[in-house]
Amino acid sequence: MDNFLIILSEAAGEAHATPKAFGMDATVWVSIAMLVFLGILVWKGVPGAIGAMLDKRIAEISKQLNEAEQLRLDAESLKAEYEAKLADAAREADEMRARADAEAEALVAKAKADATALIARRKQMAEDRIAAAEAGALAEVRTAAAKAATEAAAKLIADKHDAVADKALIDRAIADVAKA
């Protein structure tokens, strides 16, 4: 309530007196209390404890940083290892693709060669069949012509020859055989 009155008196324009104890104002007393407090902290060893605690925390952080650095190095080595494996896998894939392309080309070439050979064999077989059919047809025609000629000759001989002509033929044949 006194503070309220002081504020009111200041607002009214009245000058007020600052409180003092033993001739010192509040600022001096707060400064003394602060110095005493800091003296007690130093006397109890609080700065050393705080320093030790900070040193311990610094050591832990340093240890964590070292571990993190080691983990980073391990991760980089693993990354390099996997990049090398990936490069090897890509190279092997390229080699496999090249081999597959070469095999496919070889298979296509072989298939073309086999098809060409098959066509040539079938053509030859067809030509052989045609030749055989021609030969068979020619033989049939010859056989038919020979048979027809034989029948015609037999008919002519039967019509033109009689027993007297046959006897003359036989005698001539015997004479030819005797000469020889």
C-alpha atoms as a PDB file:
ATOM      1  CA  MET A   1       0.000   0.000   0.000  1.00  0.00           C
ATOM      2  CA  ASP A   2       2.948   2.260   0.672  1.00  0.00           C
ATOM      3  CA  ASN A   3       4.120   1.744  -2.898  1.00  0.00           C
ATOM      4  CA  PHE A   4       0.713   2.767  -4.086  1.00  0.00           C
ATOM      5  CA  LEU A   5       0.958   5.982  -2.084  1.00  0.00           C
ATOM      6  CA  ILE A   6       4.408   6.670  -3.447  1.00  0.00           C
ATOM      7  CA  ILE A   7       3.129   6.240  -6.976  1.00  0.00           C
ATOM      8  CA  LEU A   8       0.209   8.530  -6.235  1.00  0.00           C
ATOM      9  CA  SER A   9       2.453  11.146  -4.703  1.00  0.00           C
ATOM     10  CA  GLU A  10       4.770  11.034  -7.733  1.00  0.00           C
ATOM     11  CA  ALA A  11       1.798  11.428  -9.985  1.00  0.00           C
ATOM     12  CA  ALA A  12       0.737  14.464  -7.994  1.00  0.00           C
ATOM     13  CA  GLY A  13       4.158  15.956  -8.566  1.00  0.00           C
ATOM     14  CA  GLU A  14       5.400  15.656  -5.036  1.00  0.00           C
ATOM     15  CA  ALA A  15       8.960  14.632  -4.496  1.00  0.00           C
ATOM     16  CA  HIS A  16       9.373  11.616  -2.309  1.00  0.00           C
ATOM     17  CA  ALA A  17      12.216  10.429  -0.229  1.00  0.00           C
ATOM     18  CA  THR A  18      14.096   7.269  -1.180  1.00  0.00           C
ATOM     19  CA  PRO A  19      14.296   4.707   1.640  1.00  0.00           C
ATOM     20  CA  LYS A  20      17.735   4.207   3.199  1.00  0.00           C
ATOM     21  CA  ALA A  21      19.083   1.841   5.806  1.00  0.00           C
ATOM     22  CA  PHE A  22      22.368   2.527   7.492  1.00  0.00           C
ATOM     23  CA  GLY A  23      22.859   5.289   5.002  1.00  0.00           C
ATOM     24  CA  MET A  24      22.689   3.003   1.931  1.00  0.00           C
ATOM     25  CA  ASP A  25      19.914   2.890  -0.591  1.00  0.00           C
ATOM     26  CA  ALA A  26      18.295  -0.251  -2.087  1.00  0.00           C
ATOM     27  CA  THR A  27      20.743  -0.525  -4.966  1.00  0.00           C
ATOM     28  CA  VAL A  28      23.710  -0.869  -2.615  1.00  0.00           C
ATOM     29  CA  TRP A  29      21.889  -3.458  -0.521  1.00  0.00           C
ATOM     30  CA  VAL A  30      21.040  -5.539  -3.619  1.00  0.00           C
ATOM     31  CA  SER A  31      24.675  -5.321  -4.743  1.00  0.00           C
ATOM     32  CA  ILE A  32      25.903  -6.460  -1.306  1.00  0.00           C
ATOM     33  CA  ALA A  33      23.416  -9.354  -1.259  1.00  0.00           C
ATOM     34  CA  MET A  34      24.575 -10.396  -4.698  1.00  0.00           C
ATOM     35  CA  LEU A  35      28.224 -10.309  -3.670  1.00  0.00           C
ATOM     36  CA  VAL A  36      27.464 -12.366  -0.546  1.00  0.00           C
ATOM     37  CA  PHE A  37      25.530 -14.884  -2.652  1.00  0.00           C
ATOM     38  CA  LEU A  38      28.371 -15.178  -5.152  1.00  0.00           C
ATOM     39  CA  GLY A  39      30.861 -15.493  -2.277  1.00  0.00           C
ATOM     40  CA  ILE A  40      28.883 -18.383  -0.793  1.00  0.00           C
ATOM     41  CA  LEU A  41      28.757 -20.065  -4.206  1.00  0.00           C
ATOM     42  CA  VAL A  42      32.528 -19.758  -4.571  1.00  0.00           C
ATOM     43  CA  TRP A  43      33.096 -20.872  -0.938  1.00  0.00           C
ATOM     44  CA  LYS A  44      30.914 -24.014  -1.481  1.00  0.00           C
ATOM     45  CA  GLY A  45      32.827 -24.842  -4.676  1.00  0.00           C
ATOM     46  CA  VAL A  46      29.879 -24.455  -7.002  1.00  0.00           C
ATOM     47  CA  PRO A  47      31.996 -23.054  -9.892  1.00  0.00           C
ATOM     48  CA  GLY A  48      34.255 -26.122  -9.671  1.00  0.00           C
ATOM     49  CA  ALA A  49      31.232 -28.417  -9.614  1.00  0.00           C
ATOM     50  CA  ILE A  50      29.739 -26.576 -12.568  1.00  0.00           C
ATOM     51  CA  GLY A  51      33.110 -26.757 -14.351  1.00  0.00           C
ATOM     52  CA  ALA A  52      33.386 -30.492 -13.601  1.00  0.00           C
ATOM     53  CA  MET A  53      29.832 -31.034 -14.818  1.00  0.00           C
ATOM     54  CA  LEU A  54      30.553 -29.029 -17.978  1.00  0.00           C
ATOM     55  CA  ASP A  55      33.836 -30.920 -18.490  1.00  0.00           C
ATOM     56  CA  LYS A  56      31.952 -34.212 -18.126  1.00  0.00           C
ATOM     57  CA  ARG A  57      29.320 -33.013 -20.589  1.00  0.00           C
ATOM     58  CA  ILE A  58      32.059 -31.814 -22.982  1.00  0.00           C
ATOM     59  CA  ALA A  59      33.723 -35.241 -22.725  1.00  0.00           C
ATOM     60  CA  GLU A  60      30.411 -36.980 -23.484  1.00  0.00           C
ATOM     61  CA  ILE A  61      29.770 -34.682 -26.436  1.00  0.00           C
ATOM     62  CA  SER A  62      33.334 -35.228 -27.678  1.00  0.00           C
ATOM     63  CA  LYS A  63      32.852 -38.991 -27.353  1.00  0.00           C
ATOM     64  CA  GLN A  64      29.556 -38.763 -29.274  1.00  0.00           C
ATOM     65  CA  LEU A  65      31.237 -36.630 -31.938  1.00  0.00           C
ATOM     66  CA  ASN A  66      34.034 -39.210 -32.266  1.00  0.00           C
ATOM     67  CA  GLU A  67      31.458 -42.003 -32.539  1.00  0.00           C
ATOM     68  CA  ALA A  68      29.516 -39.987 -35.097  1.00  0.00           C
ATOM     69  CA  GLU A  69      32.705 -39.375 -37.074  1.00  0.00           C
ATOM     70  CA  GLN A  70      33.505 -43.108 -36.970  1.00  0.00           C
ATOM     71  CA  LEU A  71      29.956 -43.931 -38.076  1.00  0.00           C
ATOM     72  CA  ARG A  72      30.266 -41.392 -40.898  1.00  0.00           C
ATOM     73  CA  LEU A  73      33.541 -42.993 -42.020  1.00  0.00           C
ATOM     74  CA  ASP A  74      31.955 -46.456 -41.845  1.00  0.00           C
ATOM     75  CA  ALA A  75      28.965 -45.202 -43.819  1.00  0.00           C
ATOM     76  CA  GLU A  76      31.243 -43.659 -46.451  1.00  0.00           C
ATOM     77  CA  SER A  77      33.212 -46.904 -46.763  1.00  0.00           C
ATOM     78  CA  LEU A  78      29.963 -48.887 -47.079  1.00  0.00           C
ATOM     79  CA  LYS A  79      28.712 -46.385 -49.642  1.00  0.00           C
ATOM     80  CA  ALA A  80      31.938 -46.752 -51.637  1.00  0.00           C
ATOM     81  CA  GLU A  81      31.714 -50.546 -51.372  1.00  0.00           C
ATOM     82  CA  TYR A  82      28.108 -50.584 -52.579  1.00  0.00           C
ATOM     83  CA  GLU A  83      28.890 -48.123 -55.359  1.00  0.00           C
ATOM     84  CA  ALA A  84      31.672 -50.482 -56.476  1.00  0.00           C
ATOM     85  CA  LYS A  85      29.271 -53.430 -56.301  1.00  0.00           C
ATOM     86  CA  LEU A  86      26.692 -51.450 -58.259  1.00  0.00           C
ATOM     87  CA  ALA A  87      29.284 -50.591 -60.897  1.00  0.00           C
ATOM     88  CA  ASP A  88      30.294 -54.286 -61.092  1.00  0.00           C
ATOM     89  CA  ALA A  89      26.654 -55.311 -61.402  1.00  0.00           C
ATOM     90  CA  ALA A  90      26.090 -52.745 -64.146  1.00  0.00           C
ATOM     91  CA  ARG A  91      29.212 -53.971 -65.976  1.00  0.00           C
ATOM     92  CA  GLU A  92      28.075 -57.596 -65.642  1.00  0.00           C
ATOM     93  CA  ALA A  93      24.611 -56.641 -66.898  1.00  0.00           C
ATOM     94  CA  ASP A  94      26.185 -54.936 -69.918  1.00  0.00           C
ATOM     95  CA  GLU A  95      28.343 -58.003 -70.568  1.00  0.00           C
ATOM     96  CA  MET A  96      25.330 -60.299 -70.236  1.00  0.00           C
ATOM     97  CA  ARG A  97      23.352 -58.079 -72.612  1.00  0.00           C
ATOM     98  CA  ALA A  98      26.232 -58.133 -75.110  1.00  0.00           C
ATOM     99  CA  ARG A  99      26.511 -61.939 -74.835  1.00  0.00           C
ATOM    100  CA  ALA A 100      22.747 -62.295 -75.251  1.00  0.00           C
ATOM    101  CA  ASP A 101      22.832 -60.051 -78.325  1.00  0.00           C
ATOM    102  CA  ALA A 102      25.697 -62.076 -79.792  1.00  0.00           C
ATOM    103  CA  GLU A 103      23.902 -65.355 -79.032  1.00  0.00           C
ATOM    104  CA  ALA A 104      20.698 -63.999 -80.558  1.00  0.00           C
ATOM    105  CA  GLU A 105      22.569 -62.945 -83.703  1.00  0.00           C
ATOM    106  CA  ALA A 106      24.239 -66.366 -83.860  1.00  0.00           C
ATOM    107  CA  LEU A 107      20.871 -68.096 -83.432  1.00  0.00           C
ATOM    108  CA  VAL A 108      19.334 -65.927 -86.162  1.00  0.00           C
ATOM    109  CA  ALA A 109      22.259 -66.662 -88.480  1.00  0.00           C
ATOM    110  CA  LYS A 110      22.021 -70.396 -87.695  1.00  0.00           C
ATOM    111  CA  ALA A 111      18.263 -70.331 -88.231  1.00  0.00           C
ATOM    112  CA  LYS A 112      18.764 -68.596 -91.589  1.00  0.00           C
ATOM    113  CA  ALA A 113      21.433 -71.130 -92.575  1.00  0.00           C
ATOM    114  CA  ASP A 114      19.231 -74.033 -91.421  1.00  0.00           C
ATOM    115  CA  ALA A 115      16.254 -72.609 -93.305  1.00  0.00           C
ATOM    116  CA  THR A 116      18.366 -72.160 -96.427  1.00  0.00           C
ATOM    117  CA  ALA A 117      19.689 -75.712 -96.111  1.00  0.00           C
ATOM    118  CA  LEU A 118      16.175 -77.060 -95.496  1.00  0.00           C
ATOM    119  CA  ILE A 119      14.864 -75.201 -98.524  1.00  0.00           C
ATOM    120  CA  ALA A 120      17.754 -76.543-100.614  1.00  0.00           C
ATOM    121  CA  ARG A 121      17.137 -80.107 -99.362  1.00  0.00           C
ATOM    122  CA  ARG A 122      13.402 -79.876-100.012  1.00  0.00           C
ATOM    123  CA  LYS A 123      14.048 -78.387-103.439  1.00  0.00           C
ATOM    124  CA  GLN A 124      16.474 -81.212-104.201  1.00  0.00           C
ATOM    125  CA  MET A 125      13.966 -83.759-102.899  1.00  0.00           C
ATOM    126  CA  ALA A 126      11.246 -82.195-105.048  1.00  0.00           C
ATOM    127  CA  GLU A 127      13.543 -82.208-108.088  1.00  0.00           C
ATOM    128  CA  ASP A 128      14.450 -85.842-107.344  1.00  0.00           C
ATOM    129  CA  ARG A 129      10.763 -86.755-107.074  1.00  0.00           C
ATOM    130  CA  ILE A 130      10.019 -84.906-110.303  1.00  0.00           C
ATOM    131  CA  ALA A 131      12.931 -86.676-112.009  1.00  0.00           C
ATOM    132  CA  ALA A 132      11.783 -90.007-110.611  1.00  0.00           C
ATOM    133  CA  ALA A 133       8.221 -89.293-111.717  1.00  0.00           C
ATOM    134  CA  GLU A 134       9.489 -88.286-115.169  1.00  0.00           C
ATOM    135  CA  ALA A 135      11.621 -91.430-115.328  1.00  0.00           C
ATOM    136  CA  GLY A 136       8.677 -93.529-114.162  1.00  0.00           C
ATOM    137  CA  ALA A 137       6.372 -91.869-116.668  1.00  0.00           C
ATOM    138  CA  LEU A 138       8.979 -92.313-119.417  1.00  0.00           C
ATOM    139  CA  ALA A 139       9.403 -95.960-118.440  1.00  0.00           C
ATOM    140  CA  GLU A 140       5.620 -96.434-118.460  1.00  0.00           C
ATOM    141  CA  VAL A 141       5.417 -94.747-121.852  1.00  0.00           C
ATOM    142  CA  ARG A 142       8.253 -96.938-123.149  1.00  0.00           C
ATOM    143  CA  THR A 143       6.660-100.006-121.643  1.00  0.00           C
ATOM    144  CA  ALA A 144       3.313 -99.043-123.097  1.00  0.00           C
ATOM    145  CA  ALA A 145       4.962 -98.266-126.464  1.00  0.00           C
ATOM    146  CA  ALA A 146       6.896-101.554-126.378  1.00  0.00           C
ATOM    147  CA  LYS A 147       3.784-103.430-125.413  1.00  0.00           C
ATOM    148  CA  ALA A 148       1.811-101.699-128.146  1.00  0.00           C
ATOM    149  CA  ALA A 149       4.613-102.329-130.652  1.00  0.00           C
ATOM    150  CA  THR A 150       4.842-105.938-129.555  1.00  0.00           C
ATOM    151  CA  GLU A 151       1.101-106.394-129.868  1.00  0.00           C
ATOM    152  CA  ALA A 152       1.087-104.603-133.205  1.00  0.00           C
ATOM    153  CA  ALA A 153       4.020-106.679-134.412  1.00  0.00           C
ATOM    154  CA  ALA A 154       2.390-109.846-133.178  1.00  0.00           C
ATOM    155  CA  LYS A 155      -0.806-108.901-134.965  1.00  0.00           C
ATOM    156  CA  LEU A 156       1.075-107.990-138.148  1.00  0.00           C
ATOM    157  CA  ILE A 157       3.080-111.165-137.969  1.00  0.00           C
ATOM    158  CA  ALA A 158      -0.040-113.160-137.302  1.00  0.00           C
ATOM    159  CA  ASP A 159      -1.790-111.496-140.205  1.00  0.00           C
ATOM    160  CA  LYS A 160       1.088-111.662-142.700  1.00  0.00           C
ATOM    161  CA  HIS A 161       2.804-114.884-141.782  1.00  0.00           C
ATOM    162  CA  ASP A 162       1.600-118.303-142.177  1.00  0.00           C
ATOM    163  CA  ALA A 163       3.215-121.699-141.619  1.00  0.00           C
ATOM    164  CA  VAL A 164       5.276-121.537-144.816  1.00  0.00           C
ATOM    165  CA  ALA A 165       6.701-118.087-143.891  1.00  0.00           C
ATOM    166  CA  ASP A 166       7.439-119.334-140.394  1.00  0.00           C
ATOM    167  CA  LYS A 167       9.330-122.317-141.750  1.00  0.00           C
ATOM    168  CA  ALA A 168      11.439-120.059-143.995  1.00  0.00           C
ATOM    169  CA  LEU A 169      12.202-117.763-141.035  1.00  0.00           C
ATOM    170  CA  ILE A 170      13.209-120.655-138.837  1.00  0.00           C
ATOM    171  CA  ASP A 171      15.426-122.112-141.503  1.00  0.00           C
ATOM    172  CA  ARG A 172      17.126-118.767-142.062  1.00  0.00           C
ATOM    173  CA  ALA A 173      17.676-118.339-138.295  1.00  0.00           C
ATOM    174  CA  ILE A 174      19.200-121.796-138.043  1.00  0.00           C
ATOM    175  CA  ALA A 175      21.483-121.055-140.971  1.00  0.00           C
ATOM    176  CA  ASP A 176      22.574-117.788-139.359  1.00  0.00           C
ATOM    177  CA  VAL A 177      23.344-119.592-136.115  1.00  0.00           C
ATOM    178  CA  ALA A 178      25.285-122.293-137.943  1.00  0.00           C
ATOM    179  CA  LYS A 179      27.413-119.680-139.689  1.00  0.00           C
ATOM    180  CA  ALA A 180      28.343-118.007-136.596  1.00  0.00           C
END
